[in-house]
């Protein structure tokens, strides 16, 4: 999506709906697939999450995608915390004593 500023790079293996959802999230917008489908087809009726009818591939988000967007921040914090632990164990955080 060209009009959304500062969108992090989208992995090449993400599907079209995953790319659409991520572009909205990264732009600070709501990722409403029903609204997207109403824009494409004014006769579209919102789907019921409790019913299987109408749920096509253009609305599916894979577990891998959800894990990536939900746990990316945790992964970064883990790396930072791990770096501090390694530095502490290596003694690089201690001051020299006179």
C-alpha atoms as a PDB file:
ATOM      1  CA  UNK A   1       0.000   0.000   0.000  1.00  0.00           C
ATOM      2  CA  UNK A   2       1.819   3.079  -1.248  1.00  0.00           C
ATOM      3  CA  UNK A   3      -0.072   5.736   0.741  1.00  0.00           C
ATOM      4  CA  UNK A   4       0.682   4.291   4.189  1.00  0.00           C
ATOM      5  CA  UNK A   5       3.863   5.760   5.675  1.00  0.00           C
ATOM      6  CA  UNK A   6       6.656   3.689   7.214  1.00  0.00           C
ATOM      7  CA  UNK A   7       5.190   0.244   6.658  1.00  0.00           C
ATOM      8  CA  UNK A   8       7.705  -2.405   7.740  1.00  0.00           C
ATOM      9  CA  UNK A   9       8.741  -4.780   4.980  1.00  0.00           C
ATOM     10  CA  UNK A  10       6.147  -7.444   4.191  1.00  0.00           C
ATOM     11  CA  UNK A  11       7.548 -10.976   3.859  1.00  0.00           C
ATOM     12  CA  UNK A  12       7.265 -12.410   0.341  1.00  0.00           C
ATOM     13  CA  UNK A  13       5.349 -15.480   1.522  1.00  0.00           C
ATOM     14  CA  UNK A  14       2.440 -13.509   3.044  1.00  0.00           C
ATOM     15  CA  UNK A  15      -0.874 -13.928   1.247  1.00  0.00           C
ATOM     16  CA  UNK A  16      -2.880 -11.012  -0.150  1.00  0.00           C
ATOM     17  CA  UNK A  17      -5.227 -10.838   2.873  1.00  0.00           C
ATOM     18  CA  UNK A  18      -2.246 -10.950   5.259  1.00  0.00           C
ATOM     19  CA  UNK A  19      -0.545  -8.130   3.361  1.00  0.00           C
ATOM     20  CA  UNK A  20      -3.772  -6.096   3.407  1.00  0.00           C
ATOM     21  CA  UNK A  21      -4.271  -6.633   7.153  1.00  0.00           C
ATOM     22  CA  UNK A  22      -0.638  -5.763   7.951  1.00  0.00           C
ATOM     23  CA  UNK A  23      -0.749  -2.611   5.828  1.00  0.00           C
ATOM     24  CA  UNK A  24      -3.796  -1.429   7.801  1.00  0.00           C
ATOM     25  CA  UNK A  25      -2.276  -2.304  11.180  1.00  0.00           C
ATOM     26  CA  UNK A  26       1.026  -0.624  10.317  1.00  0.00           C
ATOM     27  CA  UNK A  27      -0.873   2.504   9.239  1.00  0.00           C
ATOM     28  CA  UNK A  28      -2.784   2.544  12.544  1.00  0.00           C
ATOM     29  CA  UNK A  29      -6.078   1.670  10.862  1.00  0.00           C
ATOM     30  CA  UNK A  30      -8.674  -1.007  11.603  1.00  0.00           C
ATOM     31  CA  UNK A  31      -8.214  -4.158   9.530  1.00  0.00           C
ATOM     32  CA  UNK A  32     -11.897  -4.936   8.909  1.00  0.00           C
ATOM     33  CA  UNK A  33     -12.232  -7.561   6.181  1.00  0.00           C
ATOM     34  CA  UNK A  34     -16.007  -7.047   6.049  1.00  0.00           C
ATOM     35  CA  UNK A  35     -15.480  -3.340   5.280  1.00  0.00           C
ATOM     36  CA  UNK A  36     -12.898  -4.254   2.618  1.00  0.00           C
ATOM     37  CA  UNK A  37     -15.342  -6.634   0.949  1.00  0.00           C
ATOM     38  CA  UNK A  38     -18.198  -4.080   1.131  1.00  0.00           C
ATOM     39  CA  UNK A  39     -15.952  -1.586  -0.678  1.00  0.00           C
ATOM     40  CA  UNK A  40     -15.283  -4.128  -3.424  1.00  0.00           C
ATOM     41  CA  UNK A  41     -18.931  -5.281  -3.656  1.00  0.00           C
ATOM     42  CA  UNK A  42     -21.682  -3.029  -2.228  1.00  0.00           C
ATOM     43  CA  UNK A  43     -24.062  -6.028  -2.171  1.00  0.00           C
ATOM     44  CA  UNK A  44     -21.717  -7.930   0.163  1.00  0.00           C
ATOM     45  CA  UNK A  45     -23.263  -8.946   3.498  1.00  0.00           C
ATOM     46  CA  UNK A  46     -21.041  -9.205   6.576  1.00  0.00           C
ATOM     47  CA  UNK A  47     -20.029 -12.749   7.431  1.00  0.00           C
ATOM     48  CA  UNK A  48     -20.977 -14.424  10.688  1.00  0.00           C
ATOM     49  CA  UNK A  49     -17.901 -15.840  12.470  1.00  0.00           C
ATOM     50  CA  UNK A  50     -20.064 -18.668  13.790  1.00  0.00           C
ATOM     51  CA  UNK A  51     -21.011 -19.834  10.276  1.00  0.00           C
ATOM     52  CA  UNK A  52     -18.709 -21.539   7.749  1.00  0.00           C
ATOM     53  CA  UNK A  53     -20.490 -20.140   4.684  1.00  0.00           C
ATOM     54  CA  UNK A  54     -18.680 -17.394   2.797  1.00  0.00           C
ATOM     55  CA  UNK A  55     -15.264 -17.824   4.371  1.00  0.00           C
ATOM     56  CA  UNK A  56     -13.071 -18.017   1.288  1.00  0.00           C
ATOM     57  CA  UNK A  57      -9.274 -17.954   0.924  1.00  0.00           C
ATOM     58  CA  UNK A  58      -9.273 -14.168   0.482  1.00  0.00           C
ATOM     59  CA  UNK A  59     -10.278 -13.837   4.153  1.00  0.00           C
ATOM     60  CA  UNK A  60      -7.976 -16.385   5.785  1.00  0.00           C
ATOM     61  CA  UNK A  61      -5.026 -15.443   7.963  1.00  0.00           C
ATOM     62  CA  UNK A  62      -2.525 -18.209   8.663  1.00  0.00           C
ATOM     63  CA  UNK A  63      -1.267 -19.046  12.140  1.00  0.00           C
ATOM     64  CA  UNK A  64       2.276 -18.190  10.996  1.00  0.00           C
ATOM     65  CA  UNK A  65       1.128 -14.650  10.116  1.00  0.00           C
ATOM     66  CA  UNK A  66      -0.627 -14.182  13.455  1.00  0.00           C
ATOM     67  CA  UNK A  67       2.406 -15.459  15.360  1.00  0.00           C
ATOM     68  CA  UNK A  68       4.643 -13.061  13.445  1.00  0.00           C
ATOM     69  CA  UNK A  69       2.605  -9.942  14.130  1.00  0.00           C
ATOM     70  CA  UNK A  70       1.620 -10.828  17.694  1.00  0.00           C
ATOM     71  CA  UNK A  71       5.006 -11.949  18.989  1.00  0.00           C
ATOM     72  CA  UNK A  72       7.444  -9.771  17.020  1.00  0.00           C
ATOM     73  CA  UNK A  73       7.751  -7.268  19.884  1.00  0.00           C
ATOM     74  CA  UNK A  74       8.347 -10.049  22.398  1.00  0.00           C
ATOM     75  CA  UNK A  75      11.099 -11.433  20.193  1.00  0.00           C
ATOM     76  CA  UNK A  76      12.887  -8.064  20.159  1.00  0.00           C
ATOM     77  CA  UNK A  77      12.592  -7.653  23.921  1.00  0.00           C
ATOM     78  CA  UNK A  78      13.923 -11.180  24.353  1.00  0.00           C
ATOM     79  CA  UNK A  79      17.007 -10.367  22.294  1.00  0.00           C
ATOM     80  CA  UNK A  80      17.682  -7.200  24.296  1.00  0.00           C
ATOM     81  CA  UNK A  81      17.169  -8.954  27.631  1.00  0.00           C
ATOM     82  CA  UNK A  82      19.328 -11.859  26.488  1.00  0.00           C
ATOM     83  CA  UNK A  83      22.102  -9.438  25.542  1.00  0.00           C
ATOM     84  CA  UNK A  84      22.079  -7.937  29.035  1.00  0.00           C
ATOM     85  CA  UNK A  85      22.188 -11.378  30.633  1.00  0.00           C
ATOM     86  CA  UNK A  86      25.126 -12.446  28.466  1.00  0.00           C
ATOM     87  CA  UNK A  87      26.930  -9.173  29.201  1.00  0.00           C
ATOM     88  CA  UNK A  88      26.340  -9.647  32.925  1.00  0.00           C
ATOM     89  CA  UNK A  89      27.591 -13.213  32.883  1.00  0.00           C
ATOM     90  CA  UNK A  90      30.642 -12.160  30.897  1.00  0.00           C
ATOM     91  CA  UNK A  91      31.407  -9.453  33.450  1.00  0.00           C
ATOM     92  CA  UNK A  92      31.336  -6.595  30.940  1.00  0.00           C
ATOM     93  CA  UNK A  93      28.829  -4.667  33.015  1.00  0.00           C
ATOM     94  CA  UNK A  94      30.998  -4.500  36.134  1.00  0.00           C
ATOM     95  CA  UNK A  95      33.062  -1.468  36.991  1.00  0.00           C
ATOM     96  CA  UNK A  96      36.709  -1.774  37.719  1.00  0.00           C
ATOM     97  CA  UNK A  97      37.550  -1.465  41.388  1.00  0.00           C
ATOM     98  CA  UNK A  98      40.445   0.668  42.563  1.00  0.00           C
END
